[in-house]
Every structure is written in structure tokens, then in C-alpha cells.
Amino acid sequence: MHSFAMMASARALVLTEKEINENGPCYVRLRGRKSGLVAWFLTMVGIDVTTEFCVYEDHIEISEGSVSGKINELVPISSVSNLGTGLVKPFALLGVALFFIISAIGSLFGALFAHGGAGAWAGCLFALILAAGCIIAYKIGRTMMAYVVTDGGTTSGIFVKRSIIESKTLSEEEVDQIIAILTKLVREKHQA
């Protein structure tokens, strides 16, 4: 499933709604839309471009809306053979931030010891701004995934990341809570 997780950033939706209720009837409800102002505007004018992942006691419902229509999928809990959640972090951004910090230090030494002047100071400041941008992008770029694999091998799920416009996010504790709920429901159905 590691390769499945690697697709997360490219397919991630921004989280617009979340509900986690350990008492049901809807245990988990995650709703997201594609990122960007166009998808946000389409949602605001009533065009359903959202994906919803809902967990009930006996089934999981996944609905996906787009400009061209809507698709609903129903997965009985009793047919789930594998499930999981995960958190994918864009680690490469930290490496890029480190590169910019090292560049800033180099510019700083150039400004201090080689009498580099204003250009070296500007280069240092620019590199630090880029490093800070990479660190911020790392912090807001975490992607949460929830997926199920049926007995037939079909994989269904949802990838969500923080929404800047709606300011919704999932904490790591909420991700753990979701997997605990899914695990409990699957175990109860398979033991029955």
C-alpha cells in the first residue's frame, strides 16, 4: 500500500467538512473538494465537485461529484478485507528549505567577509523567505488518507489535506480515531 500512499499528494482534496462520532449512526464523514479557487467557486455556486467518505455501522459510502455528474459507491463492511489510514508528509520540502537556509548562510558570509554589499544581503533575505515558505508548505501540505480494500480487491478511499479557505484540518489524533472506529466495525462484522 506504500505506492497507494505516494499518490496521496496528487489526488488530495482539501477538507471542507469533517464529523467523527464514535456513537454513530454516521461514525465518520469526511468531505473534500479539489484544491484551488475554481473548485471553491463551483462549490459556492452550487455545482457539486466534492467527494464524501462516510462510515456507517454496516457499510461505507463514497460519493464523488464533478461538473459532469456524480458517482456513488457502497462498500459493505462485511466485504472489507483490508483498511487503513495514513498521514503523508511532503518531506522533500524540508530538504529544499535546508538548501535555502544553507544558501542564506553562504550569502551572509559573502556579505560579511567578502564585502558583498546590498546584493548579498538581499540574496540572504530572499533565501530565508523561500526557506520559510517551504517550511510553511510542509506544515500545511500533510495529506491524510482513508482507504478500504474489499474481498474482490477493489480499493476505495479519500485523500484530504488542510483547507486554507475553510481552515479545516485533521489532527493525527483524529486520524488514529478514524482507524480505531473502522477497525472496530470491521472486527464486529467479521466476528458475527
N, C-alpha and C. Protein backbone atom coordinates (compact mmCIF):
# COMPACT_ATOMS: atom_id res chain seq x y z
N MET A 1 0.81 -1.20 0.00
CA MET A 1 0.00 0.00 0.00
C MET A 1 0.85 1.26 0.00
N HIS A 2 2.19 1.11 0.11
CA HIS A 2 3.04 2.30 0.12
C HIS A 2 2.89 3.07 -1.19
N SER A 3 2.80 2.37 -2.32
CA SER A 3 2.63 3.07 -3.59
C SER A 3 1.30 3.81 -3.63
N PHE A 4 0.29 3.25 -2.96
CA PHE A 4 -1.01 3.91 -2.86
C PHE A 4 -0.86 5.23 -2.10
N ALA A 5 -0.06 5.22 -1.06
CA ALA A 5 0.17 6.42 -0.27
C ALA A 5 0.92 7.48 -1.06
N MET A 6 1.78 7.07 -1.97
CA MET A 6 2.56 8.02 -2.74
C MET A 6 1.68 8.83 -3.70
N MET A 7 0.52 8.31 -4.06
CA MET A 7 -0.41 9.05 -4.92
C MET A 7 -1.16 10.12 -4.13
N ALA A 8 -1.04 10.09 -2.83
CA ALA A 8 -1.88 10.93 -1.98
C ALA A 8 -1.78 12.40 -2.30
N SER A 9 -0.58 12.92 -2.46
CA SER A 9 -0.44 14.35 -2.68
C SER A 9 -1.07 14.80 -3.99
N ALA A 10 -0.94 13.99 -5.02
CA ALA A 10 -1.50 14.37 -6.31
C ALA A 10 -3.03 14.31 -6.32
N ARG A 11 -3.61 13.39 -5.59
CA ARG A 11 -5.07 13.21 -5.60
C ARG A 11 -5.77 13.87 -4.42
N ALA A 12 -5.02 14.55 -3.57
CA ALA A 12 -5.58 15.06 -2.32
C ALA A 12 -6.61 16.15 -2.57
N LEU A 13 -7.67 16.06 -1.80
CA LEU A 13 -8.72 17.06 -1.80
C LEU A 13 -8.54 17.94 -0.57
N VAL A 14 -9.01 19.17 -0.65
CA VAL A 14 -8.98 19.98 0.56
C VAL A 14 -10.20 19.63 1.40
N LEU A 15 -10.00 19.52 2.67
CA LEU A 15 -11.06 19.12 3.60
C LEU A 15 -12.03 20.28 3.81
N THR A 16 -13.31 20.03 3.55
CA THR A 16 -14.32 21.08 3.74
C THR A 16 -15.24 20.79 4.91
N GLU A 17 -15.44 19.52 5.22
CA GLU A 17 -16.27 19.14 6.36
C GLU A 17 -15.73 17.86 6.97
N LYS A 18 -15.88 17.75 8.29
CA LYS A 18 -15.49 16.51 8.96
C LYS A 18 -16.40 16.29 10.16
N GLU A 19 -16.77 15.05 10.34
CA GLU A 19 -17.53 14.63 11.52
C GLU A 19 -16.98 13.28 11.95
N ILE A 20 -16.65 13.16 13.21
CA ILE A 20 -16.22 11.88 13.77
C ILE A 20 -17.07 11.67 15.01
N ASN A 21 -17.87 10.59 14.99
CA ASN A 21 -18.80 10.32 16.08
C ASN A 21 -18.71 8.83 16.43
N GLU A 22 -18.17 8.52 17.57
CA GLU A 22 -17.98 7.12 17.95
C GLU A 22 -19.29 6.41 18.28
N ASN A 23 -20.40 7.13 18.37
CA ASN A 23 -21.69 6.53 18.70
C ASN A 23 -22.61 6.33 17.49
N GLY A 24 -22.18 6.74 16.30
CA GLY A 24 -22.99 6.53 15.10
C GLY A 24 -24.19 7.43 15.04
N PRO A 25 -25.11 7.25 14.15
CA PRO A 25 -25.14 6.23 13.10
C PRO A 25 -24.10 6.47 12.01
N CYS A 26 -23.72 7.73 11.75
CA CYS A 26 -22.63 8.00 10.83
C CYS A 26 -21.38 8.23 11.68
N TYR A 27 -20.48 7.23 11.65
CA TYR A 27 -19.31 7.27 12.51
C TYR A 27 -18.26 8.25 12.01
N VAL A 28 -18.04 8.26 10.71
CA VAL A 28 -17.03 9.13 10.11
C VAL A 28 -17.64 9.74 8.85
N ARG A 29 -17.46 11.04 8.71
CA ARG A 29 -17.90 11.73 7.49
C ARG A 29 -16.82 12.75 7.14
N LEU A 30 -16.16 12.50 6.02
CA LEU A 30 -15.15 13.41 5.51
C LEU A 30 -15.61 13.91 4.14
N ARG A 31 -15.56 15.20 3.95
CA ARG A 31 -15.99 15.78 2.68
C ARG A 31 -14.88 16.71 2.20
N GLY A 32 -14.54 16.58 0.93
CA GLY A 32 -13.49 17.42 0.37
C GLY A 32 -13.78 17.80 -1.06
N ARG A 33 -13.06 18.80 -1.53
CA ARG A 33 -13.15 19.23 -2.93
C ARG A 33 -11.74 19.41 -3.45
N LYS A 34 -11.62 19.47 -4.78
CA LYS A 34 -10.31 19.71 -5.35
C LYS A 34 -9.82 21.07 -4.88
N SER A 35 -8.52 21.21 -4.79
CA SER A 35 -7.98 22.48 -4.32
C SER A 35 -8.04 23.53 -5.43
N GLY A 36 -8.02 24.74 -5.02
CA GLY A 36 -7.99 25.85 -5.97
C GLY A 36 -9.25 26.69 -5.92
N LEU A 37 -9.12 27.88 -6.45
CA LEU A 37 -10.24 28.84 -6.44
C LEU A 37 -11.38 28.43 -7.37
N VAL A 38 -11.06 27.76 -8.48
CA VAL A 38 -12.13 27.34 -9.41
C VAL A 38 -13.05 26.34 -8.74
N ALA A 39 -12.48 25.32 -8.09
CA ALA A 39 -13.30 24.32 -7.41
C ALA A 39 -14.07 24.96 -6.26
N TRP A 40 -13.45 25.89 -5.55
CA TRP A 40 -14.15 26.59 -4.46
C TRP A 40 -15.33 27.39 -5.02
N PHE A 41 -15.11 28.08 -6.14
CA PHE A 41 -16.18 28.87 -6.74
C PHE A 41 -17.31 27.97 -7.22
N LEU A 42 -16.99 26.85 -7.86
CA LEU A 42 -18.03 25.92 -8.32
C LEU A 42 -18.86 25.41 -7.14
N THR A 43 -18.20 25.14 -6.02
CA THR A 43 -18.92 24.71 -4.82
C THR A 43 -19.82 25.82 -4.30
N MET A 44 -19.33 27.04 -4.35
CA MET A 44 -20.11 28.18 -3.84
C MET A 44 -21.36 28.44 -4.68
N VAL A 45 -21.29 28.17 -5.99
CA VAL A 45 -22.46 28.41 -6.85
C VAL A 45 -23.36 27.18 -6.95
N GLY A 46 -23.07 26.16 -6.17
CA GLY A 46 -23.97 25.01 -6.10
C GLY A 46 -23.64 23.84 -7.01
N ILE A 47 -22.52 23.88 -7.69
CA ILE A 47 -22.12 22.74 -8.53
C ILE A 47 -21.31 21.80 -7.65
N ASP A 48 -21.78 20.56 -7.52
CA ASP A 48 -21.18 19.59 -6.60
C ASP A 48 -19.91 19.01 -7.19
N VAL A 49 -18.78 19.49 -6.72
CA VAL A 49 -17.48 18.96 -7.15
C VAL A 49 -16.75 18.37 -5.94
N THR A 50 -17.52 17.74 -5.08
CA THR A 50 -16.96 17.23 -3.83
C THR A 50 -16.93 15.71 -3.81
N THR A 51 -16.10 15.19 -2.93
CA THR A 51 -16.05 13.76 -2.65
C THR A 51 -16.36 13.60 -1.16
N GLU A 52 -17.17 12.59 -0.86
CA GLU A 52 -17.57 12.35 0.51
C GLU A 52 -17.29 10.90 0.87
N PHE A 53 -16.73 10.68 2.06
CA PHE A 53 -16.39 9.36 2.58
C PHE A 53 -17.13 9.23 3.90
N CYS A 54 -18.14 8.33 3.95
CA CYS A 54 -18.96 8.16 5.15
C CYS A 54 -18.89 6.71 5.62
N VAL A 55 -18.74 6.53 6.91
CA VAL A 55 -18.69 5.20 7.51
C VAL A 55 -19.90 5.02 8.40
N TYR A 56 -20.69 3.99 8.08
CA TYR A 56 -21.85 3.62 8.89
C TYR A 56 -21.59 2.26 9.52
N GLU A 57 -22.50 1.78 10.34
CA GLU A 57 -22.31 0.52 11.04
C GLU A 57 -22.13 -0.66 10.10
N ASP A 58 -22.86 -0.69 8.99
CA ASP A 58 -22.82 -1.85 8.11
C ASP A 58 -22.25 -1.57 6.71
N HIS A 59 -21.92 -0.31 6.40
CA HIS A 59 -21.37 -0.01 5.09
C HIS A 59 -20.56 1.29 5.09
N ILE A 60 -19.80 1.43 4.03
CA ILE A 60 -19.05 2.66 3.78
C ILE A 60 -19.57 3.22 2.46
N GLU A 61 -19.88 4.49 2.47
CA GLU A 61 -20.40 5.15 1.28
C GLU A 61 -19.38 6.16 0.78
N ILE A 62 -19.09 6.09 -0.50
CA ILE A 62 -18.17 7.05 -1.11
C ILE A 62 -18.90 7.66 -2.29
N SER A 63 -19.06 8.97 -2.28
CA SER A 63 -19.70 9.65 -3.41
C SER A 63 -18.75 10.70 -3.94
N GLU A 64 -18.72 10.78 -5.26
CA GLU A 64 -17.80 11.69 -5.92
C GLU A 64 -18.56 12.50 -6.95
N GLY A 65 -18.57 13.81 -6.76
CA GLY A 65 -19.26 14.69 -7.68
C GLY A 65 -18.27 15.45 -8.54
N SER A 66 -18.68 15.74 -9.76
CA SER A 66 -17.86 16.54 -10.66
C SER A 66 -18.80 17.38 -11.51
N VAL A 67 -18.24 18.19 -12.35
CA VAL A 67 -19.05 19.02 -13.24
C VAL A 67 -19.91 18.15 -14.15
N SER A 68 -19.41 16.96 -14.49
CA SER A 68 -20.13 16.09 -15.43
C SER A 68 -21.07 15.09 -14.77
N GLY A 69 -21.17 15.06 -13.45
CA GLY A 69 -22.11 14.14 -12.81
C GLY A 69 -21.66 13.70 -11.44
N LYS A 70 -22.26 12.60 -10.97
CA LYS A 70 -21.97 12.11 -9.63
C LYS A 70 -21.91 10.58 -9.65
N ILE A 71 -20.99 10.02 -8.88
CA ILE A 71 -20.84 8.57 -8.76
C ILE A 71 -20.92 8.23 -7.28
N ASN A 72 -21.74 7.23 -6.96
CA ASN A 72 -21.86 6.74 -5.58
C ASN A 72 -21.36 5.31 -5.53
N GLU A 73 -20.64 4.99 -4.47
CA GLU A 73 -20.14 3.64 -4.27
C GLU A 73 -20.49 3.21 -2.85
N LEU A 74 -20.95 1.99 -2.71
CA LEU A 74 -21.33 1.46 -1.41
C LEU A 74 -20.50 0.20 -1.16
N VAL A 75 -19.78 0.17 -0.06
CA VAL A 75 -18.94 -0.97 0.29
C VAL A 75 -19.47 -1.55 1.59
N PRO A 76 -20.02 -2.79 1.57
CA PRO A 76 -20.47 -3.40 2.83
C PRO A 76 -19.27 -3.65 3.75
N ILE A 77 -19.44 -3.35 5.02
CA ILE A 77 -18.36 -3.57 5.99
C ILE A 77 -17.95 -5.04 6.00
N SER A 78 -18.91 -5.94 5.80
CA SER A 78 -18.60 -7.37 5.84
C SER A 78 -17.68 -7.80 4.69
N SER A 79 -17.58 -7.00 3.61
CA SER A 79 -16.71 -7.37 2.50
C SER A 79 -15.35 -6.68 2.55
N VAL A 80 -15.08 -5.93 3.61
CA VAL A 80 -13.79 -5.24 3.73
C VAL A 80 -12.74 -6.24 4.21
N SER A 81 -11.68 -6.39 3.41
CA SER A 81 -10.61 -7.31 3.80
C SER A 81 -9.39 -6.56 4.32
N ASN A 82 -9.28 -5.31 3.99
CA ASN A 82 -8.14 -4.53 4.42
C ASN A 82 -8.58 -3.08 4.52
N LEU A 83 -8.08 -2.38 5.50
CA LEU A 83 -8.40 -0.96 5.62
C LEU A 83 -7.23 -0.25 6.23
N GLY A 84 -7.24 1.04 6.05
CA GLY A 84 -6.16 1.79 6.65
C GLY A 84 -6.36 3.28 6.53
N THR A 85 -5.60 3.97 7.31
CA THR A 85 -5.49 5.41 7.19
C THR A 85 -4.01 5.72 7.25
N GLY A 86 -3.67 6.86 6.84
CA GLY A 86 -2.28 7.25 6.89
C GLY A 86 -2.13 8.74 6.80
N LEU A 87 -0.94 9.18 7.07
CA LEU A 87 -0.60 10.59 7.01
C LEU A 87 0.67 10.68 6.19
N VAL A 88 0.60 11.37 5.06
CA VAL A 88 1.75 11.53 4.18
C VAL A 88 2.21 12.97 4.29
N LYS A 89 3.50 13.13 4.58
CA LYS A 89 4.07 14.47 4.73
C LYS A 89 5.02 14.73 3.57
N PRO A 90 4.99 15.95 2.99
CA PRO A 90 5.87 16.28 1.86
C PRO A 90 7.29 16.56 2.34
N PHE A 91 7.99 15.50 2.71
CA PHE A 91 9.31 15.60 3.33
C PHE A 91 10.33 16.32 2.44
N ALA A 92 10.19 16.21 1.13
CA ALA A 92 11.15 16.85 0.21
C ALA A 92 11.21 18.35 0.43
N LEU A 93 10.10 18.94 0.87
CA LEU A 93 10.09 20.39 1.11
C LEU A 93 11.06 20.79 2.22
N LEU A 94 11.27 19.90 3.19
CA LEU A 94 12.24 20.20 4.24
C LEU A 94 13.67 20.20 3.68
N GLY A 95 13.93 19.31 2.74
CA GLY A 95 15.23 19.30 2.08
C GLY A 95 15.47 20.57 1.28
N VAL A 96 14.43 21.03 0.58
CA VAL A 96 14.54 22.28 -0.18
C VAL A 96 14.74 23.45 0.78
N ALA A 97 14.03 23.44 1.91
CA ALA A 97 14.18 24.50 2.91
C ALA A 97 15.62 24.51 3.44
N LEU A 98 16.19 23.33 3.70
CA LEU A 98 17.57 23.24 4.17
C LEU A 98 18.53 23.82 3.12
N PHE A 99 18.28 23.53 1.86
CA PHE A 99 19.11 24.10 0.78
C PHE A 99 19.06 25.62 0.81
N PHE A 100 17.86 26.19 0.97
CA PHE A 100 17.74 27.65 1.01
C PHE A 100 18.40 28.24 2.26
N ILE A 101 18.33 27.54 3.37
CA ILE A 101 18.99 28.03 4.59
C ILE A 101 20.51 28.03 4.40
N ILE A 102 21.04 26.98 3.78
CA ILE A 102 22.48 26.93 3.51
C ILE A 102 22.86 28.04 2.53
N SER A 103 22.02 28.29 1.53
CA SER A 103 22.26 29.39 0.59
C SER A 103 22.26 30.74 1.31
N ALA A 104 21.33 30.90 2.26
CA ALA A 104 21.26 32.15 3.02
C ALA A 104 22.53 32.34 3.84
N ILE A 105 23.01 31.26 4.44
CA ILE A 105 24.25 31.34 5.23
C ILE A 105 25.42 31.71 4.32
N GLY A 106 25.46 31.12 3.12
CA GLY A 106 26.52 31.46 2.16
C GLY A 106 26.45 32.93 1.76
N SER A 107 25.25 33.43 1.52
CA SER A 107 25.09 34.85 1.19
C SER A 107 25.49 35.74 2.35
N LEU A 108 25.16 35.28 3.55
CA LEU A 108 25.51 36.05 4.75
C LEU A 108 27.04 36.14 4.89
N PHE A 109 27.73 35.02 4.70
CA PHE A 109 29.20 35.06 4.77
C PHE A 109 29.76 35.94 3.67
N GLY A 110 29.14 35.88 2.49
CA GLY A 110 29.58 36.76 1.41
C GLY A 110 29.41 38.22 1.75
N ALA A 111 28.30 38.54 2.43
CA ALA A 111 28.05 39.93 2.81
C ALA A 111 29.00 40.40 3.90
N LEU A 112 29.32 39.50 4.84
CA LEU A 112 30.14 39.89 5.97
C LEU A 112 31.64 39.88 5.67
N PHE A 113 32.11 38.85 4.98
CA PHE A 113 33.56 38.68 4.84
C PHE A 113 34.10 39.09 3.47
N ALA A 114 33.28 39.09 2.46
CA ALA A 114 33.77 39.46 1.13
C ALA A 114 33.29 40.85 0.74
N HIS A 115 32.71 41.55 1.71
CA HIS A 115 32.18 42.89 1.45
C HIS A 115 31.27 42.88 0.23
N GLY A 116 30.29 41.96 0.29
CA GLY A 116 29.40 41.73 -0.84
C GLY A 116 28.39 42.83 -1.07
N GLY A 117 28.10 43.62 -0.12
CA GLY A 117 27.18 44.73 -0.32
C GLY A 117 25.73 44.33 -0.24
N ALA A 118 24.89 45.17 -0.79
CA ALA A 118 23.44 45.01 -0.67
C ALA A 118 22.93 43.77 -1.40
N GLY A 119 23.58 43.40 -2.49
CA GLY A 119 23.13 42.22 -3.24
C GLY A 119 23.24 40.94 -2.42
N ALA A 120 24.31 40.81 -1.65
CA ALA A 120 24.49 39.63 -0.81
C ALA A 120 23.44 39.60 0.30
N TRP A 121 23.16 40.77 0.88
CA TRP A 121 22.13 40.84 1.93
C TRP A 121 20.75 40.51 1.35
N ALA A 122 20.48 41.01 0.17
CA ALA A 122 19.18 40.73 -0.48
C ALA A 122 19.07 39.24 -0.80
N GLY A 123 20.18 38.64 -1.25
CA GLY A 123 20.19 37.20 -1.53
C GLY A 123 19.94 36.39 -0.29
N CYS A 124 20.53 36.82 0.81
CA CYS A 124 20.33 36.13 2.10
C CYS A 124 18.86 36.22 2.53
N LEU A 125 18.30 37.41 2.45
CA LEU A 125 16.89 37.61 2.83
C LEU A 125 15.96 36.80 1.92
N PHE A 126 16.22 36.82 0.63
CA PHE A 126 15.39 36.08 -0.33
C PHE A 126 15.44 34.58 -0.05
N ALA A 127 16.64 34.07 0.22
CA ALA A 127 16.77 32.63 0.52
C ALA A 127 16.04 32.28 1.81
N LEU A 128 16.09 33.14 2.81
CA LEU A 128 15.38 32.87 4.07
C LEU A 128 13.87 32.90 3.87
N ILE A 129 13.38 33.80 3.03
CA ILE A 129 11.94 33.86 2.73
C ILE A 129 11.51 32.57 2.02
N LEU A 130 12.32 32.11 1.06
CA LEU A 130 12.00 30.86 0.36
C LEU A 130 12.03 29.67 1.32
N ALA A 131 12.99 29.65 2.24
CA ALA A 131 13.07 28.56 3.23
C ALA A 131 11.83 28.57 4.11
N ALA A 132 11.42 29.75 4.57
CA ALA A 132 10.21 29.85 5.40
C ALA A 132 8.98 29.39 4.62
N GLY A 133 8.91 29.75 3.34
CA GLY A 133 7.79 29.30 2.50
C GLY A 133 7.74 27.79 2.37
N CYS A 134 8.90 27.16 2.22
CA CYS A 134 8.96 25.69 2.13
C CYS A 134 8.51 25.05 3.44
N ILE A 135 8.92 25.63 4.56
CA ILE A 135 8.54 25.06 5.86
C ILE A 135 7.04 25.20 6.08
N ILE A 136 6.47 26.34 5.70
CA ILE A 136 5.01 26.54 5.81
C ILE A 136 4.28 25.55 4.90
N ALA A 137 4.77 25.40 3.66
CA ALA A 137 4.14 24.46 2.73
C ALA A 137 4.22 23.03 3.27
N TYR A 138 5.31 22.69 3.95
CA TYR A 138 5.42 21.37 4.58
C TYR A 138 4.36 21.19 5.65
N LYS A 139 4.20 22.22 6.49
CA LYS A 139 3.23 22.13 7.59
C LYS A 139 1.80 22.01 7.09
N ILE A 140 1.43 22.74 6.03
CA ILE A 140 0.05 22.69 5.55
C ILE A 140 -0.15 21.64 4.47
N GLY A 141 0.93 21.00 4.03
CA GLY A 141 0.83 20.03 2.94
C GLY A 141 0.63 18.60 3.37
N ARG A 142 0.41 18.36 4.66
CA ARG A 142 0.18 16.99 5.12
C ARG A 142 -1.11 16.46 4.50
N THR A 143 -1.07 15.24 4.03
CA THR A 143 -2.23 14.62 3.40
C THR A 143 -2.65 13.40 4.22
N MET A 144 -3.93 13.34 4.58
CA MET A 144 -4.48 12.20 5.29
C MET A 144 -5.21 11.33 4.30
N MET A 145 -5.07 10.03 4.43
CA MET A 145 -5.80 9.13 3.56
C MET A 145 -6.55 8.10 4.40
N ALA A 146 -7.72 7.75 3.90
CA ALA A 146 -8.50 6.66 4.49
C ALA A 146 -8.91 5.78 3.31
N TYR A 147 -8.65 4.49 3.40
CA TYR A 147 -8.98 3.60 2.28
C TYR A 147 -9.47 2.26 2.80
N VAL A 148 -10.22 1.58 1.95
CA VAL A 148 -10.67 0.22 2.21
C VAL A 148 -10.40 -0.63 0.98
N VAL A 149 -10.07 -1.90 1.23
CA VAL A 149 -9.89 -2.86 0.14
C VAL A 149 -10.91 -3.96 0.38
N THR A 150 -11.70 -4.27 -0.64
CA THR A 150 -12.75 -5.28 -0.50
C THR A 150 -12.18 -6.67 -0.76
N ASP A 151 -12.99 -7.69 -0.47
CA ASP A 151 -12.59 -9.08 -0.75
C ASP A 151 -12.27 -9.28 -2.23
N GLY A 152 -12.92 -8.51 -3.10
CA GLY A 152 -12.68 -8.61 -4.53
C GLY A 152 -11.45 -7.85 -5.01
N GLY A 153 -10.79 -7.12 -4.11
CA GLY A 153 -9.57 -6.41 -4.48
C GLY A 153 -9.76 -4.96 -4.88
N THR A 154 -10.99 -4.47 -4.83
CA THR A 154 -11.24 -3.08 -5.18
C THR A 154 -10.78 -2.17 -4.04
N THR A 155 -10.06 -1.13 -4.38
CA THR A 155 -9.59 -0.17 -3.39
C THR A 155 -10.36 1.12 -3.56
N SER A 156 -10.92 1.62 -2.48
CA SER A 156 -11.64 2.88 -2.48
C SER A 156 -11.17 3.70 -1.31
N GLY A 157 -11.16 4.99 -1.48
CA GLY A 157 -10.73 5.82 -0.37
C GLY A 157 -10.82 7.29 -0.67
N ILE A 158 -10.27 8.06 0.23
CA ILE A 158 -10.25 9.51 0.10
C ILE A 158 -8.93 10.03 0.63
N PHE A 159 -8.40 11.03 -0.04
CA PHE A 159 -7.19 11.73 0.39
C PHE A 159 -7.60 13.17 0.68
N VAL A 160 -7.30 13.67 1.86
CA VAL A 160 -7.65 15.05 2.19
C VAL A 160 -6.45 15.77 2.80
N LYS A 161 -6.39 17.07 2.54
CA LYS A 161 -5.36 17.91 3.14
C LYS A 161 -6.03 19.15 3.70
N ARG A 162 -5.28 19.93 4.42
CA ARG A 162 -5.80 21.14 5.07
C ARG A 162 -6.38 22.10 4.04
N SER A 163 -7.51 22.66 4.40
CA SER A 163 -8.13 23.68 3.56
C SER A 163 -7.77 25.04 4.13
N ILE A 164 -7.17 25.87 3.31
CA ILE A 164 -6.81 27.21 3.76
C ILE A 164 -8.04 28.10 3.78
N ILE A 165 -8.91 27.98 2.77
CA ILE A 165 -10.10 28.83 2.69
C ILE A 165 -11.07 28.48 3.82
N GLU A 166 -11.40 27.19 3.97
CA GLU A 166 -12.34 26.77 5.02
C GLU A 166 -11.66 26.55 6.37
N SER A 167 -10.34 26.57 6.39
CA SER A 167 -9.49 26.33 7.57
C SER A 167 -9.89 25.07 8.34
N LYS A 168 -10.06 23.97 7.62
CA LYS A 168 -10.35 22.66 8.22
C LYS A 168 -9.11 21.78 8.07
N THR A 169 -8.86 20.97 9.07
CA THR A 169 -7.75 20.03 9.03
C THR A 169 -8.08 18.83 9.89
N LEU A 170 -7.33 17.77 9.72
CA LEU A 170 -7.43 16.59 10.58
C LEU A 170 -6.14 16.48 11.37
N SER A 171 -6.27 16.33 12.67
CA SER A 171 -5.09 16.12 13.50
C SER A 171 -4.70 14.65 13.45
N GLU A 172 -3.50 14.36 13.90
CA GLU A 172 -3.06 12.96 13.92
C GLU A 172 -3.91 12.15 14.89
N GLU A 173 -4.40 12.77 15.95
CA GLU A 173 -5.29 12.09 16.89
C GLU A 173 -6.60 11.70 16.22
N GLU A 174 -7.12 12.59 15.37
CA GLU A 174 -8.36 12.28 14.64
C GLU A 174 -8.15 11.16 13.63
N VAL A 175 -6.98 11.14 13.00
CA VAL A 175 -6.66 10.05 12.07
C VAL A 175 -6.64 8.72 12.83
N ASP A 176 -6.01 8.71 14.01
CA ASP A 176 -5.99 7.50 14.83
C ASP A 176 -7.39 7.10 15.27
N GLN A 177 -8.23 8.08 15.58
CA GLN A 177 -9.61 7.81 15.99
C GLN A 177 -10.39 7.18 14.84
N ILE A 178 -10.18 7.66 13.62
CA ILE A 178 -10.88 7.11 12.45
C ILE A 178 -10.49 5.65 12.24
N ILE A 179 -9.19 5.34 12.30
CA ILE A 179 -8.77 3.96 12.08
C ILE A 179 -9.28 3.06 13.19
N ALA A 180 -9.37 3.57 14.42
CA ALA A 180 -9.91 2.77 15.52
C ALA A 180 -11.39 2.45 15.28
N ILE A 181 -12.15 3.41 14.81
CA ILE A 181 -13.57 3.19 14.52
C ILE A 181 -13.73 2.18 13.40
N LEU A 182 -12.97 2.35 12.31
CA LEU A 182 -13.05 1.42 11.18
C LEU A 182 -12.65 0.01 11.61
N THR A 183 -11.59 -0.12 12.39
CA THR A 183 -11.14 -1.42 12.85
C THR A 183 -12.20 -2.10 13.71
N LYS A 184 -12.79 -1.35 14.62
CA LYS A 184 -13.84 -1.89 15.49
C LYS A 184 -15.02 -2.40 14.68
N LEU A 185 -15.47 -1.61 13.70
CA LEU A 185 -16.63 -2.01 12.90
C LEU A 185 -16.33 -3.25 12.05
N VAL A 186 -15.14 -3.30 11.46
CA VAL A 186 -14.77 -4.45 10.62
C VAL A 186 -14.65 -5.70 11.49
N ARG A 187 -14.04 -5.59 12.65
CA ARG A 187 -13.91 -6.76 13.54
C ARG A 187 -15.28 -7.27 13.99
N GLU A 188 -16.19 -6.35 14.33
CA GLU A 188 -17.53 -6.77 14.75
C GLU A 188 -18.25 -7.50 13.63
N LYS A 189 -18.12 -7.04 12.38
CA LYS A 189 -18.82 -7.70 11.26
C LYS A 189 -18.21 -9.03 10.93
N HIS A 190 -16.88 -9.15 11.05
CA HIS A 190 -16.23 -10.42 10.72
C HIS A 190 -16.38 -11.46 11.83
N GLN A 191 -16.64 -11.02 13.06
CA GLN A 191 -16.84 -11.97 14.15
C GLN A 191 -18.28 -12.44 14.23
N ALA A 192 -19.18 -11.69 13.64
CA ALA A 192 -20.61 -12.04 13.71
C ALA A 192 -20.97 -13.23 12.86
